[in-house]
């Protein structure tokens, strides 16, 4: 049952609509509302105590929201795809989360060797968006064609497929923090908070989108989310 079905059910059954609502779907929707409120209260509201002076507020909000949403959307899609691939949700979640953490950490480490310019961020975000759109089209066929391979080869293939976009995704957070620290030290906690808040919310939001539209569209929305840091850096918006 999807949201768009509710008006039709209400029109047909009136007050007797409730039995047709799937409990699991309602729980996910209510969880999204709950986790959004909790994230705002526990992560964002305390930041008002330190205040936020200086410019680039819009840049910071869009940039760190985009990479927070995008990263978690990709993670949720990969967990789902590799659950089908390995046939075990525990193995899939462990493989995806650990591999993403390792290679995003590697990307974060090597970001120190990159110049902190709008051009650098534009190049990285463009590459990420291209890869995510490509994965939306070819990831499932690749996994379907290789599902009968021996387990060690499947593991190596999974690591490769996860590592390629994740390494570049790991570049963006430290690059963004370096830009923020250069312009406004006081805004650094806000950058962390905004990114953390959207990361928490996006895990449940991705599930809801998947139910409504499918995991293909979650990956598309991940690419669109990474479009936010792309857009705000057009014309050198993040740097002098």
C-alpha atoms as a PDB file:
ATOM      1  CA  UNK A   1       0.000   0.000   0.000  1.00  0.00           C
ATOM      2  CA  UNK A   2       1.354   3.410  -1.017  1.00  0.00           C
ATOM      3  CA  UNK A   3       0.449   6.952   0.002  1.00  0.00           C
ATOM      4  CA  UNK A   4      -1.326   7.547  -3.302  1.00  0.00           C
ATOM      5  CA  UNK A   5      -3.657   4.640  -2.506  1.00  0.00           C
ATOM      6  CA  UNK A   6      -4.960   6.231   0.693  1.00  0.00           C
ATOM      7  CA  UNK A   7      -7.334   8.799  -0.926  1.00  0.00           C
ATOM      8  CA  UNK A   8      -8.873   6.066  -3.105  1.00  0.00           C
ATOM      9  CA  UNK A   9      -9.318   3.708  -0.142  1.00  0.00           C
ATOM     10  CA  UNK A  10     -10.790   6.524   1.919  1.00  0.00           C
ATOM     11  CA  UNK A  11     -13.232   7.356  -0.880  1.00  0.00           C
ATOM     12  CA  UNK A  12     -14.327   3.735  -1.255  1.00  0.00           C
ATOM     13  CA  UNK A  13     -14.344   2.546   2.346  1.00  0.00           C
ATOM     14  CA  UNK A  14     -14.636   5.770   4.346  1.00  0.00           C
ATOM     15  CA  UNK A  15     -14.041   5.146   8.033  1.00  0.00           C
ATOM     16  CA  UNK A  16     -13.297   1.477   7.377  1.00  0.00           C
ATOM     17  CA  UNK A  17     -10.012   2.289   5.592  1.00  0.00           C
ATOM     18  CA  UNK A  18      -7.744   1.469   8.561  1.00  0.00           C
ATOM     19  CA  UNK A  19      -7.766  -2.352   8.157  1.00  0.00           C
ATOM     20  CA  UNK A  20      -6.358  -1.942   4.635  1.00  0.00           C
ATOM     21  CA  UNK A  21      -3.300  -0.022   5.849  1.00  0.00           C
ATOM     22  CA  UNK A  22      -0.175  -2.157   6.167  1.00  0.00           C
ATOM     23  CA  UNK A  23       1.233  -1.922   9.677  1.00  0.00           C
ATOM     24  CA  UNK A  24       4.857  -2.104   8.537  1.00  0.00           C
ATOM     25  CA  UNK A  25       4.407   0.813   6.151  1.00  0.00           C
ATOM     26  CA  UNK A  26       2.768   2.936   8.828  1.00  0.00           C
ATOM     27  CA  UNK A  27       5.565   2.121  11.257  1.00  0.00           C
ATOM     28  CA  UNK A  28       8.180   3.290   8.733  1.00  0.00           C
ATOM     29  CA  UNK A  29       6.250   6.530   8.123  1.00  0.00           C
ATOM     30  CA  UNK A  30       5.846   7.187  11.848  1.00  0.00           C
ATOM     31  CA  UNK A  31       9.503   6.326  12.418  1.00  0.00           C
ATOM     32  CA  UNK A  32      10.487   8.957   9.852  1.00  0.00           C
ATOM     33  CA  UNK A  33       8.478  11.605  11.699  1.00  0.00           C
ATOM     34  CA  UNK A  34       9.841  10.506  15.063  1.00  0.00           C
ATOM     35  CA  UNK A  35      13.469  10.287  13.993  1.00  0.00           C
ATOM     36  CA  UNK A  36      13.250  13.690  12.276  1.00  0.00           C
ATOM     37  CA  UNK A  37      12.009  15.311  15.471  1.00  0.00           C
ATOM     38  CA  UNK A  38      14.614  13.526  17.592  1.00  0.00           C
ATOM     39  CA  UNK A  39      17.439  14.471  15.208  1.00  0.00           C
ATOM     40  CA  UNK A  40      16.394  18.121  15.222  1.00  0.00           C
ATOM     41  CA  UNK A  41      16.042  18.230  19.017  1.00  0.00           C
ATOM     42  CA  UNK A  42      19.261  16.367  19.838  1.00  0.00           C
ATOM     43  CA  UNK A  43      21.517  17.564  17.012  1.00  0.00           C
ATOM     44  CA  UNK A  44      20.320  20.904  15.644  1.00  0.00           C
ATOM     45  CA  UNK A  45      18.713  22.699  18.597  1.00  0.00           C
ATOM     46  CA  UNK A  46      21.814  22.508  20.850  1.00  0.00           C
ATOM     47  CA  UNK A  47      23.776  24.294  18.118  1.00  0.00           C
ATOM     48  CA  UNK A  48      21.676  27.426  18.602  1.00  0.00           C
ATOM     49  CA  UNK A  49      23.387  27.841  21.967  1.00  0.00           C
ATOM     50  CA  UNK A  50      26.704  28.569  20.249  1.00  0.00           C
ATOM     51  CA  UNK A  51      25.011  30.737  17.618  1.00  0.00           C
ATOM     52  CA  UNK A  52      25.898  31.101  13.973  1.00  0.00           C
ATOM     53  CA  UNK A  53      27.388  34.324  12.732  1.00  0.00           C
ATOM     54  CA  UNK A  54      29.020  35.001   9.432  1.00  0.00           C
ATOM     55  CA  UNK A  55      28.164  34.200   5.860  1.00  0.00           C
ATOM     56  CA  UNK A  56      27.799  31.129   3.666  1.00  0.00           C
ATOM     57  CA  UNK A  57      24.876  29.746   5.678  1.00  0.00           C
ATOM     58  CA  UNK A  58      23.015  28.654   2.566  1.00  0.00           C
ATOM     59  CA  UNK A  59      26.164  27.070   1.142  1.00  0.00           C
ATOM     60  CA  UNK A  60      26.809  25.121   4.348  1.00  0.00           C
ATOM     61  CA  UNK A  61      23.216  23.892   4.672  1.00  0.00           C
ATOM     62  CA  UNK A  62      22.954  22.710   1.058  1.00  0.00           C
ATOM     63  CA  UNK A  63      26.460  21.260   0.822  1.00  0.00           C
ATOM     64  CA  UNK A  64      26.408  19.200   4.007  1.00  0.00           C
ATOM     65  CA  UNK A  65      22.752  18.226   3.617  1.00  0.00           C
ATOM     66  CA  UNK A  66      23.489  16.913   0.137  1.00  0.00           C
ATOM     67  CA  UNK A  67      26.438  14.736   1.092  1.00  0.00           C
ATOM     68  CA  UNK A  68      24.624  13.461   4.204  1.00  0.00           C
ATOM     69  CA  UNK A  69      21.539  12.442   2.244  1.00  0.00           C
ATOM     70  CA  UNK A  70      23.463  11.072  -0.707  1.00  0.00           C
ATOM     71  CA  UNK A  71      25.840   8.897   1.295  1.00  0.00           C
ATOM     72  CA  UNK A  72      23.102   7.174   3.285  1.00  0.00           C
ATOM     73  CA  UNK A  73      20.861   6.724   0.244  1.00  0.00           C
ATOM     74  CA  UNK A  74      23.707   4.923  -1.524  1.00  0.00           C
ATOM     75  CA  UNK A  75      24.371   2.791   1.550  1.00  0.00           C
ATOM     76  CA  UNK A  76      20.733   1.676   1.820  1.00  0.00           C
ATOM     77  CA  UNK A  77      20.567   0.775  -1.885  1.00  0.00           C
ATOM     78  CA  UNK A  78      23.807  -1.189  -1.742  1.00  0.00           C
ATOM     79  CA  UNK A  79      22.678  -3.124   1.327  1.00  0.00           C
ATOM     80  CA  UNK A  80      19.475  -4.106  -0.464  1.00  0.00           C
ATOM     81  CA  UNK A  81      21.227  -5.063  -3.697  1.00  0.00           C
ATOM     82  CA  UNK A  82      23.917  -7.130  -1.977  1.00  0.00           C
ATOM     83  CA  UNK A  83      21.381  -8.815   0.295  1.00  0.00           C
ATOM     84  CA  UNK A  84      19.933 -10.369  -2.848  1.00  0.00           C
ATOM     85  CA  UNK A  85      23.453 -11.026  -4.153  1.00  0.00           C
ATOM     86  CA  UNK A  86      24.786 -12.839  -1.077  1.00  0.00           C
ATOM     87  CA  UNK A  87      21.450 -14.210   0.087  1.00  0.00           C
ATOM     88  CA  UNK A  88      22.045 -13.067   3.656  1.00  0.00           C
ATOM     89  CA  UNK A  89      21.149  -9.615   5.026  1.00  0.00           C
ATOM     90  CA  UNK A  90      23.728  -9.815   7.826  1.00  0.00           C
ATOM     91  CA  UNK A  91      26.591 -10.560   5.418  1.00  0.00           C
ATOM     92  CA  UNK A  92      25.376  -7.867   3.038  1.00  0.00           C
ATOM     93  CA  UNK A  93      25.018  -5.164   5.689  1.00  0.00           C
ATOM     94  CA  UNK A  94      28.396  -6.035   7.214  1.00  0.00           C
ATOM     95  CA  UNK A  95      30.129  -6.020   3.842  1.00  0.00           C
ATOM     96  CA  UNK A  96      28.556  -2.784   2.623  1.00  0.00           C
ATOM     97  CA  UNK A  97      28.923  -0.772   5.832  1.00  0.00           C
ATOM     98  CA  UNK A  98      32.491  -1.881   6.566  1.00  0.00           C
ATOM     99  CA  UNK A  99      33.636  -1.385   2.966  1.00  0.00           C
ATOM    100  CA  UNK A 100      32.007   2.039   2.726  1.00  0.00           C
ATOM    101  CA  UNK A 101      33.573   3.129   6.019  1.00  0.00           C
ATOM    102  CA  UNK A 102      37.033   1.920   4.990  1.00  0.00           C
ATOM    103  CA  UNK A 103      37.045   3.454   1.536  1.00  0.00           C
ATOM    104  CA  UNK A 104      35.317   6.689   2.517  1.00  0.00           C
ATOM    105  CA  UNK A 105      38.027   6.954   5.181  1.00  0.00           C
ATOM    106  CA  UNK A 106      40.671   6.410   2.512  1.00  0.00           C
ATOM    107  CA  UNK A 107      39.019   9.080   0.386  1.00  0.00           C
ATOM    108  CA  UNK A 108      38.926  11.417   3.368  1.00  0.00           C
ATOM    109  CA  UNK A 109      42.624  10.805   4.035  1.00  0.00           C
ATOM    110  CA  UNK A 110      43.701  11.505   0.477  1.00  0.00           C
ATOM    111  CA  UNK A 111      41.506  14.608   0.294  1.00  0.00           C
ATOM    112  CA  UNK A 112      44.290  16.407   2.163  1.00  0.00           C
ATOM    113  CA  UNK A 113      46.341  16.146  -1.028  1.00  0.00           C
ATOM    114  CA  UNK A 114      43.666  17.883  -3.083  1.00  0.00           C
ATOM    115  CA  UNK A 115      43.437  21.620  -3.552  1.00  0.00           C
ATOM    116  CA  UNK A 116      40.461  23.136  -1.750  1.00  0.00           C
ATOM    117  CA  UNK A 117      38.835  24.869  -4.687  1.00  0.00           C
ATOM    118  CA  UNK A 118      35.397  24.948  -6.235  1.00  0.00           C
ATOM    119  CA  UNK A 119      36.857  23.303  -9.342  1.00  0.00           C
ATOM    120  CA  UNK A 120      38.038  20.316  -7.295  1.00  0.00           C
ATOM    121  CA  UNK A 121      34.618  19.853  -5.708  1.00  0.00           C
ATOM    122  CA  UNK A 122      32.897  20.256  -9.075  1.00  0.00           C
ATOM    123  CA  UNK A 123      35.065  17.537 -10.603  1.00  0.00           C
ATOM    124  CA  UNK A 124      34.492  15.128  -7.706  1.00  0.00           C
ATOM    125  CA  UNK A 125      30.742  15.686  -7.476  1.00  0.00           C
ATOM    126  CA  UNK A 126      30.341  15.367 -11.241  1.00  0.00           C
ATOM    127  CA  UNK A 127      32.189  12.039 -11.148  1.00  0.00           C
ATOM    128  CA  UNK A 128      30.059  10.824  -8.223  1.00  0.00           C
ATOM    129  CA  UNK A 129      26.799  11.787  -9.919  1.00  0.00           C
ATOM    130  CA  UNK A 130      27.872  10.060 -13.135  1.00  0.00           C
ATOM    131  CA  UNK A 131      28.795   6.877 -11.238  1.00  0.00           C
ATOM    132  CA  UNK A 132      25.568   6.798  -9.234  1.00  0.00           C
ATOM    133  CA  UNK A 133      23.446   7.246 -12.350  1.00  0.00           C
ATOM    134  CA  UNK A 134      25.501   4.529 -14.043  1.00  0.00           C
ATOM    135  CA  UNK A 135      25.027   2.226 -11.046  1.00  0.00           C
ATOM    136  CA  UNK A 136      21.288   2.838 -11.128  1.00  0.00           C
ATOM    137  CA  UNK A 137      21.316   1.341 -14.629  1.00  0.00           C
ATOM    138  CA  UNK A 138      23.982  -1.376 -14.544  1.00  0.00           C
ATOM    139  CA  UNK A 139      24.496  -2.509 -10.933  1.00  0.00           C
ATOM    140  CA  UNK A 140      21.585  -4.952 -10.886  1.00  0.00           C
ATOM    141  CA  UNK A 141      22.492  -6.568 -14.254  1.00  0.00           C
ATOM    142  CA  UNK A 142      26.128  -6.946 -13.126  1.00  0.00           C
ATOM    143  CA  UNK A 143      25.074  -8.663  -9.920  1.00  0.00           C
ATOM    144  CA  UNK A 144      22.600 -10.883 -11.750  1.00  0.00           C
ATOM    145  CA  UNK A 145      25.243 -12.023 -14.237  1.00  0.00           C
ATOM    146  CA  UNK A 146      27.819 -12.765 -11.525  1.00  0.00           C
ATOM    147  CA  UNK A 147      25.584 -14.297  -8.849  1.00  0.00           C
ATOM    148  CA  UNK A 148      26.753 -17.853  -9.667  1.00  0.00           C
ATOM    149  CA  UNK A 149      30.458 -17.051  -9.229  1.00  0.00           C
ATOM    150  CA  UNK A 150      32.425 -18.533  -6.304  1.00  0.00           C
ATOM    151  CA  UNK A 151      31.980 -16.630  -3.045  1.00  0.00           C
ATOM    152  CA  UNK A 152      35.558 -15.222  -2.848  1.00  0.00           C
ATOM    153  CA  UNK A 153      35.205 -13.699  -6.325  1.00  0.00           C
ATOM    154  CA  UNK A 154      31.783 -12.291  -5.436  1.00  0.00           C
ATOM    155  CA  UNK A 155      33.277 -10.672  -2.343  1.00  0.00           C
ATOM    156  CA  UNK A 156      36.095  -9.097  -4.362  1.00  0.00           C
ATOM    157  CA  UNK A 157      33.612  -7.838  -6.954  1.00  0.00           C
ATOM    158  CA  UNK A 158      31.410  -6.389  -4.217  1.00  0.00           C
ATOM    159  CA  UNK A 159      34.372  -4.582  -2.648  1.00  0.00           C
ATOM    160  CA  UNK A 160      35.359  -3.148  -6.033  1.00  0.00           C
ATOM    161  CA  UNK A 161      31.836  -1.968  -6.855  1.00  0.00           C
ATOM    162  CA  UNK A 162      31.423  -0.346  -3.440  1.00  0.00           C
ATOM    163  CA  UNK A 163      34.911   1.152  -3.282  1.00  0.00           C
ATOM    164  CA  UNK A 164      34.849   3.054  -6.570  1.00  0.00           C
ATOM    165  CA  UNK A 165      32.147   5.637  -5.717  1.00  0.00           C
ATOM    166  CA  UNK A 166      32.692   5.545  -1.954  1.00  0.00           C
ATOM    167  CA  UNK A 167      36.320   6.664  -2.155  1.00  0.00           C
ATOM    168  CA  UNK A 168      35.275   9.804  -4.013  1.00  0.00           C
ATOM    169  CA  UNK A 169      32.305  10.345  -1.710  1.00  0.00           C
ATOM    170  CA  UNK A 170      34.761  10.361   1.190  1.00  0.00           C
ATOM    171  CA  UNK A 171      36.566  13.372  -0.312  1.00  0.00           C
ATOM    172  CA  UNK A 172      33.686  15.781   0.013  1.00  0.00           C
ATOM    173  CA  UNK A 173      33.178  16.058   3.780  1.00  0.00           C
ATOM    174  CA  UNK A 174      36.766  17.055   4.692  1.00  0.00           C
ATOM    175  CA  UNK A 175      36.986  19.351   1.670  1.00  0.00           C
ATOM    176  CA  UNK A 176      33.801  21.071   2.805  1.00  0.00           C
ATOM    177  CA  UNK A 177      35.088  21.401   6.369  1.00  0.00           C
ATOM    178  CA  UNK A 178      38.294  22.986   5.122  1.00  0.00           C
ATOM    179  CA  UNK A 179      36.278  25.578   3.219  1.00  0.00           C
ATOM    180  CA  UNK A 180      34.106  26.274   6.269  1.00  0.00           C
ATOM    181  CA  UNK A 181      37.122  26.566   8.584  1.00  0.00           C
ATOM    182  CA  UNK A 182      38.698  29.046   6.189  1.00  0.00           C
ATOM    183  CA  UNK A 183      35.641  31.305   6.087  1.00  0.00           C
ATOM    184  CA  UNK A 184      33.909  30.857   9.433  1.00  0.00           C
ATOM    185  CA  UNK A 185      35.300  28.713  12.277  1.00  0.00           C
ATOM    186  CA  UNK A 186      32.097  29.161  14.266  1.00  0.00           C
ATOM    187  CA  UNK A 187      30.109  27.339  11.588  1.00  0.00           C
ATOM    188  CA  UNK A 188      32.084  24.073  11.845  1.00  0.00           C
ATOM    189  CA  UNK A 189      29.743  22.552  14.498  1.00  0.00           C
ATOM    190  CA  UNK A 190      26.804  23.494  12.268  1.00  0.00           C
ATOM    191  CA  UNK A 191      28.383  21.669   9.331  1.00  0.00           C
ATOM    192  CA  UNK A 192      28.810  18.536  11.449  1.00  0.00           C
ATOM    193  CA  UNK A 193      25.314  18.858  12.898  1.00  0.00           C
ATOM    194  CA  UNK A 194      23.545  19.384   9.572  1.00  0.00           C
ATOM    195  CA  UNK A 195      25.382  16.461   8.010  1.00  0.00           C
ATOM    196  CA  UNK A 196      24.646  14.216  10.992  1.00  0.00           C
ATOM    197  CA  UNK A 197      20.989  15.205  11.156  1.00  0.00           C
ATOM    198  CA  UNK A 198      20.372  14.482   7.476  1.00  0.00           C
ATOM    199  CA  UNK A 199      22.327  11.228   7.688  1.00  0.00           C
ATOM    200  CA  UNK A 200      20.049  10.021  10.478  1.00  0.00           C
ATOM    201  CA  UNK A 201      16.856  11.069   8.698  1.00  0.00           C
ATOM    202  CA  UNK A 202      17.897   9.746   5.286  1.00  0.00           C
ATOM    203  CA  UNK A 203      18.220   6.123   6.406  1.00  0.00           C
ATOM    204  CA  UNK A 204      14.487   5.947   7.115  1.00  0.00           C
ATOM    205  CA  UNK A 205      13.576   8.281   4.252  1.00  0.00           C
ATOM    206  CA  UNK A 206      15.369   5.971   1.811  1.00  0.00           C
ATOM    207  CA  UNK A 207      13.259   3.048   3.000  1.00  0.00           C
ATOM    208  CA  UNK A 208      10.067   5.033   2.487  1.00  0.00           C
ATOM    209  CA  UNK A 209      11.134   6.106  -1.007  1.00  0.00           C
ATOM    210  CA  UNK A 210      11.999   2.499  -1.847  1.00  0.00           C
ATOM    211  CA  UNK A 211       8.519   1.361  -0.817  1.00  0.00           C
ATOM    212  CA  UNK A 212       6.860   4.133  -2.809  1.00  0.00           C
ATOM    213  CA  UNK A 213       9.041   4.148  -5.923  1.00  0.00           C
ATOM    214  CA  UNK A 214      11.661   1.395  -5.763  1.00  0.00           C
ATOM    215  CA  UNK A 215      15.381   1.256  -4.963  1.00  0.00           C
ATOM    216  CA  UNK A 216      16.235   2.436  -8.467  1.00  0.00           C
ATOM    217  CA  UNK A 217      14.794   5.818  -7.556  1.00  0.00           C
ATOM    218  CA  UNK A 218      16.618   5.896  -4.233  1.00  0.00           C
ATOM    219  CA  UNK A 219      19.865   5.761  -6.218  1.00  0.00           C
ATOM    220  CA  UNK A 220      18.586   8.485  -8.543  1.00  0.00           C
ATOM    221  CA  UNK A 221      17.769  10.667  -5.539  1.00  0.00           C
ATOM    222  CA  UNK A 222      21.247   9.954  -4.166  1.00  0.00           C
ATOM    223  CA  UNK A 223      22.690  11.378  -7.377  1.00  0.00           C
ATOM    224  CA  UNK A 224      20.393  14.397  -7.071  1.00  0.00           C
ATOM    225  CA  UNK A 225      21.504  14.887  -3.469  1.00  0.00           C
ATOM    226  CA  UNK A 226      25.116  15.040  -4.612  1.00  0.00           C
ATOM    227  CA  UNK A 227      23.932  17.605  -7.112  1.00  0.00           C
ATOM    228  CA  UNK A 228      23.496  20.042  -4.201  1.00  0.00           C
ATOM    229  CA  UNK A 229      27.241  20.445  -3.524  1.00  0.00           C
ATOM    230  CA  UNK A 230      27.711  20.601  -7.284  1.00  0.00           C
ATOM    231  CA  UNK A 231      25.223  23.448  -7.689  1.00  0.00           C
ATOM    232  CA  UNK A 232      26.405  25.517  -4.721  1.00  0.00           C
ATOM    233  CA  UNK A 233      29.987  25.382  -5.996  1.00  0.00           C
ATOM    234  CA  UNK A 234      29.217  26.483  -9.539  1.00  0.00           C
ATOM    235  CA  UNK A 235      31.063  29.695 -10.108  1.00  0.00           C
ATOM    236  CA  UNK A 236      33.304  29.144  -7.080  1.00  0.00           C
ATOM    237  CA  UNK A 237      30.547  29.640  -4.506  1.00  0.00           C
ATOM    238  CA  UNK A 238      32.394  27.773  -1.775  1.00  0.00           C
ATOM    239  CA  UNK A 239      35.793  29.391  -2.110  1.00  0.00           C
ATOM    240  CA  UNK A 240      37.369  32.746  -2.609  1.00  0.00           C
END
